[in-house]
Amino acid sequence: MKKTLATTAALLAFLGTAYAATVQGTIQAVDPTTKSITLDDGKIYQLSPEATVGKLKVGAKVAVTVDDKTGMVTSIKKAS
């Protein structure tokens, strides 16, 4: 019984974990209207509605973390 409960708890914890991918690139375009950025890979990354795009500049090298389930950017950091 205890083993079953422990296994179930571990499985539920694993399923609740958000999957994320990190992509590095150079910002090619910033669209404040749609709250999105385009990187040099040609892909458009959607920011959350609460995001502020004012500090994002074309030409900046960034690391973008994207939630695999929603496709939304969860963080943007300066890349080295």
N, C-alpha and C. Protein backbone atom coordinates (compact mmCIF):
# COMPACT_ATOMS: atom_id res chain seq x y z
N MET A 1 0.83 -1.21 0.00
CA MET A 1 0.00 0.00 0.00
C MET A 1 0.87 1.26 0.00
N LYS A 2 1.87 1.27 0.90
CA LYS A 2 2.74 2.44 0.98
C LYS A 2 3.50 2.64 -0.33
N LYS A 3 3.93 1.53 -0.93
CA LYS A 3 4.68 1.62 -2.19
C LYS A 3 3.80 2.18 -3.30
N THR A 4 2.55 1.77 -3.32
CA THR A 4 1.61 2.28 -4.33
C THR A 4 1.37 3.77 -4.15
N LEU A 5 1.20 4.20 -2.92
CA LEU A 5 0.99 5.63 -2.65
C LEU A 5 2.22 6.44 -3.03
N ALA A 6 3.39 5.94 -2.71
CA ALA A 6 4.62 6.66 -3.04
C ALA A 6 4.79 6.76 -4.56
N THR A 7 4.51 5.68 -5.26
CA THR A 7 4.61 5.69 -6.71
C THR A 7 3.61 6.66 -7.33
N THR A 8 2.40 6.64 -6.84
CA THR A 8 1.36 7.54 -7.35
C THR A 8 1.74 9.00 -7.09
N ALA A 9 2.24 9.30 -5.91
CA ALA A 9 2.64 10.67 -5.58
C ALA A 9 3.78 11.13 -6.48
N ALA A 10 4.74 10.26 -6.73
CA ALA A 10 5.86 10.62 -7.60
C ALA A 10 5.39 10.86 -9.03
N LEU A 11 4.48 10.02 -9.50
CA LEU A 11 3.94 10.17 -10.85
C LEU A 11 3.18 11.48 -10.99
N LEU A 12 2.35 11.82 -10.02
CA LEU A 12 1.60 13.07 -10.06
C LEU A 12 2.52 14.28 -10.02
N ALA A 13 3.57 14.21 -9.24
CA ALA A 13 4.53 15.32 -9.18
C ALA A 13 5.21 15.49 -10.53
N PHE A 14 5.54 14.38 -11.17
CA PHE A 14 6.18 14.43 -12.48
C PHE A 14 5.24 15.01 -13.53
N LEU A 15 3.99 14.61 -13.51
CA LEU A 15 3.02 15.11 -14.48
C LEU A 15 2.74 16.59 -14.31
N GLY A 16 2.83 17.09 -13.09
CA GLY A 16 2.57 18.49 -12.83
C GLY A 16 3.71 19.41 -13.19
N THR A 17 4.85 18.84 -13.50
CA THR A 17 6.02 19.64 -13.84
C THR A 17 5.85 20.22 -15.23
N ALA A 18 6.10 21.50 -15.34
CA ALA A 18 6.01 22.18 -16.64
C ALA A 18 7.27 21.87 -17.44
N TYR A 19 7.09 21.59 -18.70
CA TYR A 19 8.22 21.35 -19.58
C TYR A 19 8.56 22.67 -20.26
N ALA A 20 9.87 22.93 -20.35
CA ALA A 20 10.30 24.18 -20.95
C ALA A 20 11.53 23.94 -21.81
N ALA A 21 11.64 24.72 -22.85
CA ALA A 21 12.81 24.66 -23.72
C ALA A 21 13.46 26.04 -23.73
N THR A 22 14.78 26.05 -23.78
CA THR A 22 15.50 27.32 -23.85
C THR A 22 16.17 27.43 -25.22
N VAL A 23 15.95 28.57 -25.84
CA VAL A 23 16.50 28.85 -27.17
C VAL A 23 17.35 30.10 -27.07
N GLN A 24 18.53 30.08 -27.67
CA GLN A 24 19.37 31.27 -27.71
C GLN A 24 19.36 31.84 -29.12
N GLY A 25 19.41 33.15 -29.18
CA GLY A 25 19.44 33.80 -30.48
C GLY A 25 19.55 35.29 -30.36
N THR A 26 19.47 35.96 -31.49
CA THR A 26 19.54 37.41 -31.56
C THR A 26 18.18 37.94 -31.96
N ILE A 27 17.70 38.95 -31.23
CA ILE A 27 16.39 39.53 -31.53
C ILE A 27 16.45 40.25 -32.87
N GLN A 28 15.56 39.87 -33.78
CA GLN A 28 15.46 40.49 -35.09
C GLN A 28 14.33 41.51 -35.14
N ALA A 29 13.27 41.28 -34.33
CA ALA A 29 12.12 42.21 -34.32
C ALA A 29 11.41 42.11 -32.98
N VAL A 30 10.87 43.26 -32.55
CA VAL A 30 10.06 43.34 -31.34
C VAL A 30 8.74 43.97 -31.74
N ASP A 31 7.63 43.30 -31.41
CA ASP A 31 6.30 43.83 -31.74
C ASP A 31 5.53 44.09 -30.45
N PRO A 32 5.50 45.36 -30.00
CA PRO A 32 4.80 45.68 -28.76
C PRO A 32 3.29 45.47 -28.85
N THR A 33 2.72 45.55 -30.04
CA THR A 33 1.27 45.38 -30.20
C THR A 33 0.84 43.95 -29.92
N THR A 34 1.58 42.99 -30.47
CA THR A 34 1.24 41.57 -30.27
C THR A 34 2.02 40.95 -29.12
N LYS A 35 2.91 41.74 -28.49
CA LYS A 35 3.76 41.26 -27.41
C LYS A 35 4.53 40.01 -27.84
N SER A 36 5.28 40.16 -28.93
CA SER A 36 6.06 39.05 -29.45
C SER A 36 7.43 39.54 -29.92
N ILE A 37 8.35 38.59 -30.00
CA ILE A 37 9.67 38.87 -30.55
C ILE A 37 9.98 37.83 -31.63
N THR A 38 10.81 38.22 -32.57
CA THR A 38 11.29 37.31 -33.60
C THR A 38 12.79 37.18 -33.42
N LEU A 39 13.27 35.94 -33.37
CA LEU A 39 14.70 35.70 -33.25
C LEU A 39 15.29 35.41 -34.61
N ASP A 40 16.61 35.32 -34.66
CA ASP A 40 17.29 35.10 -35.93
C ASP A 40 17.04 33.71 -36.51
N ASP A 41 16.36 32.84 -35.78
CA ASP A 41 15.97 31.54 -36.35
C ASP A 41 14.67 31.67 -37.16
N GLY A 42 14.10 32.89 -37.17
CA GLY A 42 12.88 33.15 -37.93
C GLY A 42 11.60 32.87 -37.18
N LYS A 43 11.72 32.29 -35.99
CA LYS A 43 10.52 31.95 -35.21
C LYS A 43 10.06 33.15 -34.40
N ILE A 44 8.74 33.24 -34.25
CA ILE A 44 8.13 34.29 -33.44
C ILE A 44 7.77 33.70 -32.10
N TYR A 45 8.18 34.37 -31.04
CA TYR A 45 7.95 33.90 -29.68
C TYR A 45 6.98 34.84 -28.99
N GLN A 46 5.91 34.28 -28.46
CA GLN A 46 4.83 35.06 -27.82
C GLN A 46 5.16 35.31 -26.35
N LEU A 47 5.09 36.57 -25.94
CA LEU A 47 5.30 36.94 -24.55
C LEU A 47 3.96 36.94 -23.83
N SER A 48 4.01 36.91 -22.51
CA SER A 48 2.78 36.96 -21.74
C SER A 48 2.15 38.34 -21.87
N PRO A 49 0.84 38.43 -21.67
CA PRO A 49 0.17 39.74 -21.78
C PRO A 49 0.71 40.78 -20.79
N GLU A 50 1.27 40.32 -19.68
CA GLU A 50 1.80 41.25 -18.66
C GLU A 50 3.22 41.71 -18.97
N ALA A 51 3.86 41.12 -19.96
CA ALA A 51 5.26 41.41 -20.26
C ALA A 51 5.44 42.84 -20.76
N THR A 52 6.57 43.40 -20.41
CA THR A 52 6.95 44.72 -20.89
C THR A 52 8.03 44.53 -21.94
N VAL A 53 7.81 45.06 -23.13
CA VAL A 53 8.77 44.87 -24.22
C VAL A 53 9.72 46.04 -24.38
N GLY A 54 9.57 47.06 -23.56
CA GLY A 54 10.36 48.28 -23.68
C GLY A 54 11.85 48.09 -23.60
N LYS A 55 12.32 47.11 -22.82
CA LYS A 55 13.76 46.90 -22.66
C LYS A 55 14.34 45.95 -23.71
N LEU A 56 13.48 45.33 -24.50
CA LEU A 56 13.96 44.40 -25.52
C LEU A 56 14.37 45.18 -26.77
N LYS A 57 15.59 44.94 -27.21
CA LYS A 57 16.14 45.69 -28.34
C LYS A 57 16.56 44.77 -29.47
N VAL A 58 16.32 45.19 -30.70
CA VAL A 58 16.78 44.46 -31.87
C VAL A 58 18.30 44.38 -31.82
N GLY A 59 18.83 43.19 -32.08
CA GLY A 59 20.28 42.99 -32.05
C GLY A 59 20.79 42.40 -30.74
N ALA A 60 19.95 42.38 -29.71
CA ALA A 60 20.36 41.83 -28.43
C ALA A 60 20.41 40.31 -28.49
N LYS A 61 21.47 39.73 -27.91
CA LYS A 61 21.59 38.28 -27.83
C LYS A 61 20.89 37.84 -26.54
N VAL A 62 19.93 36.92 -26.69
CA VAL A 62 19.11 36.51 -25.55
C VAL A 62 18.97 34.99 -25.47
N ALA A 63 18.62 34.53 -24.27
CA ALA A 63 18.22 33.15 -24.04
C ALA A 63 16.74 33.21 -23.65
N VAL A 64 15.90 32.57 -24.45
CA VAL A 64 14.45 32.62 -24.26
C VAL A 64 13.98 31.25 -23.78
N THR A 65 13.27 31.23 -22.65
CA THR A 65 12.70 29.99 -22.15
C THR A 65 11.22 29.98 -22.49
N VAL A 66 10.78 28.88 -23.12
CA VAL A 66 9.41 28.76 -23.61
C VAL A 66 8.74 27.57 -22.96
N ASP A 67 7.51 27.78 -22.45
CA ASP A 67 6.71 26.69 -21.90
C ASP A 67 6.21 25.83 -23.07
N ASP A 68 6.54 24.55 -23.04
CA ASP A 68 6.17 23.65 -24.14
C ASP A 68 4.66 23.46 -24.28
N LYS A 69 3.94 23.56 -23.19
CA LYS A 69 2.49 23.36 -23.25
C LYS A 69 1.77 24.56 -23.84
N THR A 70 2.13 25.76 -23.40
CA THR A 70 1.41 26.95 -23.84
C THR A 70 2.09 27.67 -25.00
N GLY A 71 3.38 27.43 -25.18
CA GLY A 71 4.12 28.13 -26.22
C GLY A 71 4.51 29.55 -25.83
N MET A 72 4.19 29.94 -24.61
CA MET A 72 4.49 31.30 -24.12
C MET A 72 5.90 31.38 -23.55
N VAL A 73 6.51 32.52 -23.76
CA VAL A 73 7.83 32.79 -23.18
C VAL A 73 7.66 32.96 -21.68
N THR A 74 8.48 32.22 -20.91
CA THR A 74 8.43 32.35 -19.46
C THR A 74 9.55 33.20 -18.92
N SER A 75 10.64 33.33 -19.70
CA SER A 75 11.71 34.23 -19.28
C SER A 75 12.60 34.58 -20.47
N ILE A 76 13.20 35.75 -20.37
CA ILE A 76 14.18 36.20 -21.37
C ILE A 76 15.37 36.74 -20.58
N LYS A 77 16.54 36.20 -20.88
CA LYS A 77 17.77 36.65 -20.21
C LYS A 77 18.81 37.00 -21.26
N LYS A 78 19.69 37.90 -20.89
CA LYS A 78 20.80 38.26 -21.77
C LYS A 78 21.70 37.04 -21.92
N ALA A 79 22.02 36.69 -23.16
CA ALA A 79 22.91 35.57 -23.44
C ALA A 79 24.34 36.04 -23.54
N SER A 80 25.25 35.18 -23.20
CA SER A 80 26.66 35.56 -23.28
C SER A 80 27.26 35.18 -24.60
